[in-house]
Amino acid sequence: MDGKLMITFVEGGVYFLLAVVAFGIEAWAFFDCLRHRANAFEAVSKRTKSFWLGMTGVAFAIGALSVFTGSRGGLFGTLGLFGLAAVTAASVYLADVRPAVKDAGRGGSRNTGPYGPW
């Protein structure tokens, strides 16, 4: 096997693996956003459910496009402009919005300490 062909094969595998991981994050964010009530988003002052459904939905679509077309770079590839923006939007939802909305859905964080309920 020639060296250039081997490098191309390994590079394609790495890009595909990155695309699958990014698509998993985007799918998790989108489907998690679907299951929360709309008033929970407004209760914790995290924009609206429609806003986050739009952001995570577009991220999900870009991730699907990236995985199923196999594009590596460019605008819609895994490491392209829109691919990185999609992963960033999904990550912001999962890191900032999801914990706040999750606590609001349970009625807040009453009687909880640093190690759980007391």
N, C-alpha and C. Protein backbone atom coordinates (compact mmCIF):
# COMPACT_ATOMS: atom_id res chain seq x y z
N MET A 1 0.86 -1.18 0.00
CA MET A 1 0.00 0.00 0.00
C MET A 1 0.89 1.23 0.00
N ASP A 2 0.61 2.10 -0.86
CA ASP A 2 1.40 3.31 -1.02
C ASP A 2 1.11 4.29 0.14
N GLY A 3 2.09 5.07 0.54
CA GLY A 3 1.98 5.95 1.71
C GLY A 3 0.89 7.00 1.58
N LYS A 4 0.76 7.57 0.40
CA LYS A 4 -0.25 8.60 0.21
C LYS A 4 -1.66 8.02 0.33
N LEU A 5 -1.86 6.84 -0.18
CA LEU A 5 -3.16 6.18 -0.08
C LEU A 5 -3.49 5.84 1.37
N MET A 6 -2.48 5.39 2.13
CA MET A 6 -2.70 5.06 3.54
C MET A 6 -3.06 6.32 4.35
N ILE A 7 -2.37 7.40 4.09
CA ILE A 7 -2.65 8.65 4.80
C ILE A 7 -4.06 9.14 4.46
N THR A 8 -4.45 9.04 3.20
CA THR A 8 -5.80 9.43 2.80
C THR A 8 -6.85 8.57 3.49
N PHE A 9 -6.62 7.28 3.59
CA PHE A 9 -7.54 6.36 4.26
C PHE A 9 -7.68 6.70 5.74
N VAL A 10 -6.55 6.91 6.43
CA VAL A 10 -6.58 7.25 7.86
C VAL A 10 -7.23 8.61 8.07
N GLU A 11 -6.91 9.57 7.24
CA GLU A 11 -7.50 10.90 7.35
C GLU A 11 -9.02 10.85 7.17
N GLY A 12 -9.47 10.08 6.20
CA GLY A 12 -10.91 9.92 5.99
C GLY A 12 -11.59 9.28 7.19
N GLY A 13 -10.93 8.30 7.81
CA GLY A 13 -11.48 7.66 9.00
C GLY A 13 -11.57 8.62 10.18
N VAL A 14 -10.56 9.44 10.36
CA VAL A 14 -10.57 10.41 11.45
C VAL A 14 -11.68 11.44 11.25
N TYR A 15 -11.82 11.93 10.03
CA TYR A 15 -12.88 12.89 9.74
C TYR A 15 -14.26 12.27 9.96
N PHE A 16 -14.43 11.01 9.54
CA PHE A 16 -15.72 10.35 9.74
C PHE A 16 -16.01 10.16 11.22
N LEU A 17 -15.01 9.78 12.00
CA LEU A 17 -15.19 9.61 13.44
C LEU A 17 -15.56 10.94 14.10
N LEU A 18 -14.89 12.02 13.72
CA LEU A 18 -15.23 13.34 14.25
C LEU A 18 -16.65 13.74 13.86
N ALA A 19 -17.05 13.42 12.64
CA ALA A 19 -18.40 13.75 12.18
C ALA A 19 -19.44 12.98 12.97
N VAL A 20 -19.20 11.72 13.27
CA VAL A 20 -20.15 10.91 14.04
C VAL A 20 -20.27 11.43 15.47
N VAL A 21 -19.15 11.78 16.09
CA VAL A 21 -19.19 12.32 17.46
C VAL A 21 -19.92 13.66 17.48
N ALA A 22 -19.63 14.53 16.52
CA ALA A 22 -20.31 15.83 16.45
C ALA A 22 -21.80 15.64 16.21
N PHE A 23 -22.17 14.71 15.34
CA PHE A 23 -23.58 14.44 15.07
C PHE A 23 -24.28 13.90 16.31
N GLY A 24 -23.59 13.09 17.09
CA GLY A 24 -24.17 12.59 18.34
C GLY A 24 -24.45 13.71 19.33
N ILE A 25 -23.54 14.65 19.45
CA ILE A 25 -23.73 15.80 20.33
C ILE A 25 -24.90 16.65 19.84
N GLU A 26 -24.97 16.87 18.55
CA GLU A 26 -26.05 17.70 17.99
C GLU A 26 -27.41 17.02 18.12
N ALA A 27 -27.45 15.70 17.92
CA ALA A 27 -28.71 14.96 18.08
C ALA A 27 -29.15 14.97 19.53
N TRP A 28 -28.22 14.79 20.46
CA TRP A 28 -28.54 14.81 21.89
C TRP A 28 -29.14 16.16 22.27
N ALA A 29 -28.53 17.24 21.82
CA ALA A 29 -29.03 18.58 22.14
C ALA A 29 -30.42 18.81 21.56
N PHE A 30 -30.64 18.40 20.31
CA PHE A 30 -31.93 18.62 19.66
C PHE A 30 -33.05 17.84 20.34
N PHE A 31 -32.84 16.56 20.58
CA PHE A 31 -33.89 15.75 21.17
C PHE A 31 -34.11 16.07 22.64
N ASP A 32 -33.07 16.53 23.34
CA ASP A 32 -33.26 16.98 24.71
C ASP A 32 -34.09 18.27 24.75
N CYS A 33 -33.84 19.15 23.81
CA CYS A 33 -34.60 20.40 23.73
C CYS A 33 -36.07 20.12 23.42
N LEU A 34 -36.35 19.11 22.63
CA LEU A 34 -37.73 18.75 22.30
C LEU A 34 -38.53 18.30 23.53
N ARG A 35 -37.89 17.64 24.48
CA ARG A 35 -38.63 17.03 25.57
C ARG A 35 -38.93 17.97 26.73
N HIS A 36 -38.33 19.15 26.77
CA HIS A 36 -38.59 20.09 27.87
C HIS A 36 -39.76 21.01 27.54
N ARG A 37 -40.47 21.43 28.58
CA ARG A 37 -41.61 22.34 28.42
C ARG A 37 -41.13 23.73 28.04
N ALA A 38 -41.98 24.46 27.31
CA ALA A 38 -41.61 25.80 26.84
C ALA A 38 -41.49 26.79 27.98
N ASN A 39 -42.34 26.67 28.99
CA ASN A 39 -42.29 27.65 30.08
C ASN A 39 -41.06 27.47 30.97
N ALA A 40 -40.41 26.32 30.91
CA ALA A 40 -39.18 26.12 31.69
C ALA A 40 -38.05 26.98 31.15
N PHE A 41 -38.01 27.19 29.86
CA PHE A 41 -36.97 28.02 29.26
C PHE A 41 -37.12 29.47 29.69
N GLU A 42 -38.35 29.95 29.69
CA GLU A 42 -38.58 31.33 30.07
C GLU A 42 -38.43 31.54 31.57
N ALA A 43 -38.71 30.50 32.35
CA ALA A 43 -38.58 30.61 33.81
C ALA A 43 -37.14 30.82 34.24
N VAL A 44 -36.21 30.28 33.49
CA VAL A 44 -34.79 30.43 33.84
C VAL A 44 -34.08 31.46 32.98
N SER A 45 -34.85 32.24 32.21
CA SER A 45 -34.31 33.32 31.36
C SER A 45 -33.25 32.83 30.38
N LYS A 46 -33.57 31.78 29.64
CA LYS A 46 -32.64 31.22 28.65
C LYS A 46 -33.24 31.28 27.25
N ARG A 47 -33.70 32.46 26.82
CA ARG A 47 -34.36 32.65 25.53
C ARG A 47 -35.65 31.83 25.51
N THR A 48 -36.11 31.42 24.34
CA THR A 48 -37.35 30.65 24.26
C THR A 48 -37.05 29.26 23.72
N LYS A 49 -38.02 28.38 23.89
CA LYS A 49 -37.85 27.03 23.37
C LYS A 49 -37.75 27.06 21.85
N SER A 50 -38.50 27.94 21.21
CA SER A 50 -38.45 28.03 19.74
C SER A 50 -37.05 28.42 19.27
N PHE A 51 -36.42 29.34 19.97
CA PHE A 51 -35.06 29.75 19.61
C PHE A 51 -34.10 28.57 19.70
N TRP A 52 -34.15 27.84 20.82
CA TRP A 52 -33.22 26.73 21.00
C TRP A 52 -33.56 25.55 20.10
N LEU A 53 -34.84 25.35 19.80
CA LEU A 53 -35.20 24.30 18.84
C LEU A 53 -34.66 24.66 17.46
N GLY A 54 -34.73 25.93 17.09
CA GLY A 54 -34.18 26.37 15.81
C GLY A 54 -32.68 26.18 15.75
N MET A 55 -31.99 26.59 16.80
CA MET A 55 -30.52 26.47 16.83
C MET A 55 -30.08 25.02 16.79
N THR A 56 -30.67 24.20 17.67
CA THR A 56 -30.25 22.79 17.71
C THR A 56 -30.76 22.02 16.50
N GLY A 57 -31.89 22.44 15.93
CA GLY A 57 -32.40 21.78 14.73
C GLY A 57 -31.51 22.03 13.52
N VAL A 58 -31.06 23.26 13.37
CA VAL A 58 -30.13 23.57 12.27
C VAL A 58 -28.80 22.86 12.51
N ALA A 59 -28.35 22.80 13.75
CA ALA A 59 -27.11 22.08 14.07
C ALA A 59 -27.26 20.60 13.74
N PHE A 60 -28.41 20.02 14.06
CA PHE A 60 -28.70 18.61 13.77
C PHE A 60 -28.68 18.37 12.26
N ALA A 61 -29.28 19.27 11.50
CA ALA A 61 -29.32 19.13 10.04
C ALA A 61 -27.91 19.24 9.43
N ILE A 62 -27.12 20.19 9.93
CA ILE A 62 -25.75 20.33 9.42
C ILE A 62 -24.92 19.11 9.79
N GLY A 63 -25.12 18.59 11.00
CA GLY A 63 -24.41 17.37 11.40
C GLY A 63 -24.78 16.18 10.55
N ALA A 64 -26.08 16.04 10.23
CA ALA A 64 -26.51 14.94 9.37
C ALA A 64 -25.92 15.09 7.97
N LEU A 65 -25.91 16.31 7.46
CA LEU A 65 -25.33 16.58 6.16
C LEU A 65 -23.84 16.23 6.15
N SER A 66 -23.17 16.56 7.23
CA SER A 66 -21.75 16.30 7.34
C SER A 66 -21.44 14.80 7.38
N VAL A 67 -22.27 14.04 8.13
CA VAL A 67 -22.02 12.59 8.26
C VAL A 67 -22.40 11.86 6.98
N PHE A 68 -23.57 12.15 6.44
CA PHE A 68 -24.08 11.35 5.35
C PHE A 68 -23.53 11.73 3.98
N THR A 69 -22.97 12.92 3.84
CA THR A 69 -22.34 13.27 2.56
C THR A 69 -20.86 12.97 2.59
N GLY A 70 -20.30 12.82 3.77
CA GLY A 70 -18.88 12.49 3.87
C GLY A 70 -17.95 13.63 3.56
N SER A 71 -18.46 14.86 3.62
CA SER A 71 -17.58 16.00 3.31
C SER A 71 -16.64 16.25 4.47
N ARG A 72 -15.41 16.57 4.15
CA ARG A 72 -14.39 16.74 5.18
C ARG A 72 -14.21 18.19 5.59
N GLY A 73 -14.14 19.05 4.66
CA GLY A 73 -13.89 20.45 4.95
C GLY A 73 -14.95 21.30 4.29
N GLY A 74 -14.57 22.44 3.80
CA GLY A 74 -15.52 23.32 3.13
C GLY A 74 -16.47 23.97 4.12
N LEU A 75 -17.61 24.39 3.64
CA LEU A 75 -18.55 25.09 4.51
C LEU A 75 -19.30 24.13 5.43
N PHE A 76 -19.76 23.00 4.91
CA PHE A 76 -20.62 22.11 5.69
C PHE A 76 -19.92 20.88 6.23
N GLY A 77 -18.64 20.77 6.08
CA GLY A 77 -17.91 19.62 6.59
C GLY A 77 -17.80 19.67 8.11
N THR A 78 -17.31 18.59 8.67
CA THR A 78 -17.17 18.48 10.12
C THR A 78 -16.32 19.61 10.69
N LEU A 79 -15.23 19.90 10.04
CA LEU A 79 -14.35 20.96 10.50
C LEU A 79 -14.47 22.22 9.64
N GLY A 80 -15.57 22.33 8.92
CA GLY A 80 -15.84 23.52 8.13
C GLY A 80 -16.47 24.61 8.99
N LEU A 81 -16.77 25.71 8.38
CA LEU A 81 -17.31 26.86 9.09
C LEU A 81 -18.64 26.54 9.78
N PHE A 82 -19.59 26.01 9.02
CA PHE A 82 -20.89 25.71 9.59
C PHE A 82 -20.86 24.48 10.50
N GLY A 83 -19.98 23.55 10.21
CA GLY A 83 -19.84 22.37 11.07
C GLY A 83 -19.38 22.73 12.47
N LEU A 84 -18.39 23.61 12.55
CA LEU A 84 -17.91 24.06 13.87
C LEU A 84 -18.95 24.91 14.59
N ALA A 85 -19.67 25.75 13.83
CA ALA A 85 -20.73 26.56 14.44
C ALA A 85 -21.85 25.67 14.97
N ALA A 86 -22.17 24.60 14.27
CA ALA A 86 -23.23 23.69 14.70
C ALA A 86 -22.84 22.97 15.99
N VAL A 87 -21.63 22.49 16.07
CA VAL A 87 -21.18 21.82 17.29
C VAL A 87 -21.12 22.81 18.45
N THR A 88 -20.72 24.03 18.17
CA THR A 88 -20.66 25.06 19.22
C THR A 88 -22.06 25.38 19.75
N ALA A 89 -23.04 25.53 18.87
CA ALA A 89 -24.40 25.83 19.31
C ALA A 89 -24.97 24.69 20.14
N ALA A 90 -24.75 23.46 19.72
CA ALA A 90 -25.24 22.31 20.48
C ALA A 90 -24.53 22.21 21.83
N SER A 91 -23.25 22.50 21.86
CA SER A 91 -22.49 22.44 23.11
C SER A 91 -22.92 23.52 24.09
N VAL A 92 -23.23 24.71 23.58
CA VAL A 92 -23.72 25.79 24.45
C VAL A 92 -25.05 25.38 25.06
N TYR A 93 -25.93 24.78 24.26
CA TYR A 93 -27.20 24.32 24.81
C TYR A 93 -26.97 23.28 25.91
N LEU A 94 -26.11 22.30 25.64
CA LEU A 94 -25.90 21.22 26.61
C LEU A 94 -25.19 21.69 27.87
N ALA A 95 -24.29 22.65 27.75
CA ALA A 95 -23.51 23.08 28.90
C ALA A 95 -24.20 24.16 29.72
N ASP A 96 -25.00 25.02 29.09
CA ASP A 96 -25.58 26.15 29.81
C ASP A 96 -27.09 26.05 29.98
N VAL A 97 -27.80 25.78 28.90
CA VAL A 97 -29.25 25.82 28.94
C VAL A 97 -29.83 24.56 29.56
N ARG A 98 -29.34 23.41 29.17
CA ARG A 98 -29.90 22.14 29.64
C ARG A 98 -29.91 22.01 31.16
N PRO A 99 -28.81 22.29 31.87
CA PRO A 99 -28.86 22.15 33.34
C PRO A 99 -29.88 23.09 33.98
N ALA A 100 -29.99 24.32 33.48
CA ALA A 100 -30.94 25.28 34.05
C ALA A 100 -32.37 24.85 33.81
N VAL A 101 -32.66 24.40 32.59
CA VAL A 101 -34.02 23.97 32.25
C VAL A 101 -34.37 22.68 32.99
N LYS A 102 -33.40 21.83 33.16
CA LYS A 102 -33.61 20.57 33.88
C LYS A 102 -33.97 20.84 35.34
N ASP A 103 -33.27 21.79 35.97
CA ASP A 103 -33.59 22.15 37.36
C ASP A 103 -34.94 22.83 37.46
N ALA A 104 -35.30 23.63 36.48
CA ALA A 104 -36.60 24.31 36.49
C ALA A 104 -37.72 23.30 36.33
N GLY A 105 -37.49 22.26 35.57
CA GLY A 105 -38.50 21.23 35.36
C GLY A 105 -38.76 20.41 36.61
N ARG A 106 -37.76 20.32 37.50
CA ARG A 106 -37.92 19.57 38.74
C ARG A 106 -38.43 20.45 39.87
N GLY A 107 -38.67 21.70 39.59
CA GLY A 107 -39.15 22.59 40.65
C GLY A 107 -38.04 23.33 41.33
N GLY A 108 -36.91 23.47 40.71
CA GLY A 108 -35.80 24.21 41.30
C GLY A 108 -34.87 23.29 42.06
N SER A 109 -33.95 23.89 42.75
CA SER A 109 -32.96 23.09 43.48
C SER A 109 -33.16 23.27 44.98
N ARG A 110 -34.38 23.03 45.43
CA ARG A 110 -34.64 23.12 46.86
C ARG A 110 -34.06 21.93 47.61
N ASN A 111 -33.52 22.19 48.77
CA ASN A 111 -32.97 21.15 49.65
C ASN A 111 -31.91 20.30 48.98
N THR A 112 -31.06 20.90 48.22
CA THR A 112 -29.96 20.16 47.64
C THR A 112 -28.65 20.79 48.08
N GLY A 113 -27.74 19.94 48.41
CA GLY A 113 -26.43 20.39 48.81
C GLY A 113 -25.44 20.08 47.71
N PRO A 114 -24.14 20.21 48.00
CA PRO A 114 -23.14 19.97 46.96
C PRO A 114 -23.04 18.49 46.56
N TYR A 115 -23.54 17.57 47.39
CA TYR A 115 -23.45 16.16 47.12
C TYR A 115 -24.81 15.51 46.88
N GLY A 116 -25.86 16.31 46.65
CA GLY A 116 -27.17 15.76 46.39
C GLY A 116 -28.18 16.26 47.41
N PRO A 117 -29.38 15.68 47.42
CA PRO A 117 -30.43 16.15 48.33
C PRO A 117 -30.12 15.82 49.78
N TRP A 118 -30.64 16.65 50.67
CA TRP A 118 -30.47 16.38 52.10
C TRP A 118 -31.76 16.58 52.82
